[in-house]
């Protein structure tokens, strides 16, 4: 169970990072 949770945490963090990156690109476009 723990391993599954760790993987979920990794994926969530990764998604968050991508979301932040996209947000930055959007603000740069104006």
C-alpha atoms as a PDB file:
ATOM      1  CA  UNK A   1       0.000   0.000   0.000  1.00  0.00           C
ATOM      2  CA  UNK A   2       2.792   2.411   0.911  1.00  0.00           C
ATOM      3  CA  UNK A   3       4.515   2.059  -2.453  1.00  0.00           C
ATOM      4  CA  UNK A   4       1.240   2.878  -4.217  1.00  0.00           C
ATOM      5  CA  UNK A   5       0.855   6.009  -2.104  1.00  0.00           C
ATOM      6  CA  UNK A   6       4.433   7.076  -2.872  1.00  0.00           C
ATOM      7  CA  UNK A   7       3.808   6.668  -6.601  1.00  0.00           C
ATOM      8  CA  UNK A   8       0.616   8.706  -6.286  1.00  0.00           C
ATOM      9  CA  UNK A   9       2.529  11.415  -4.446  1.00  0.00           C
ATOM     10  CA  UNK A  10       5.206  11.457  -7.167  1.00  0.00           C
ATOM     11  CA  UNK A  11       2.625  11.725  -9.931  1.00  0.00           C
ATOM     12  CA  UNK A  12       0.748  14.478  -8.092  1.00  0.00           C
ATOM     13  CA  UNK A  13       3.931  16.483  -7.573  1.00  0.00           C
ATOM     14  CA  UNK A  14       4.881  15.989 -11.215  1.00  0.00           C
ATOM     15  CA  UNK A  15       1.463  17.184 -12.388  1.00  0.00           C
ATOM     16  CA  UNK A  16       1.724  20.212 -10.126  1.00  0.00           C
ATOM     17  CA  UNK A  17       5.111  21.093 -11.622  1.00  0.00           C
ATOM     18  CA  UNK A  18       3.772  20.861 -15.167  1.00  0.00           C
ATOM     19  CA  UNK A  19       0.779  22.990 -14.210  1.00  0.00           C
ATOM     20  CA  UNK A  20       3.081  25.675 -12.786  1.00  0.00           C
ATOM     21  CA  UNK A  21       5.216  25.582 -15.944  1.00  0.00           C
ATOM     22  CA  UNK A  22       2.164  26.027 -18.156  1.00  0.00           C
ATOM     23  CA  UNK A  23       0.974  28.877 -15.962  1.00  0.00           C
ATOM     24  CA  UNK A  24       4.359  30.609 -16.372  1.00  0.00           C
ATOM     25  CA  UNK A  25       4.232  30.237 -20.150  1.00  0.00           C
ATOM     26  CA  UNK A  26       0.712  31.665 -20.205  1.00  0.00           C
ATOM     27  CA  UNK A  27       1.711  34.718 -18.180  1.00  0.00           C
ATOM     28  CA  UNK A  28       4.771  35.250 -20.407  1.00  0.00           C
ATOM     29  CA  UNK A  29       2.515  35.328 -23.478  1.00  0.00           C
ATOM     30  CA  UNK A  30       0.548  38.121 -21.825  1.00  0.00           C
END
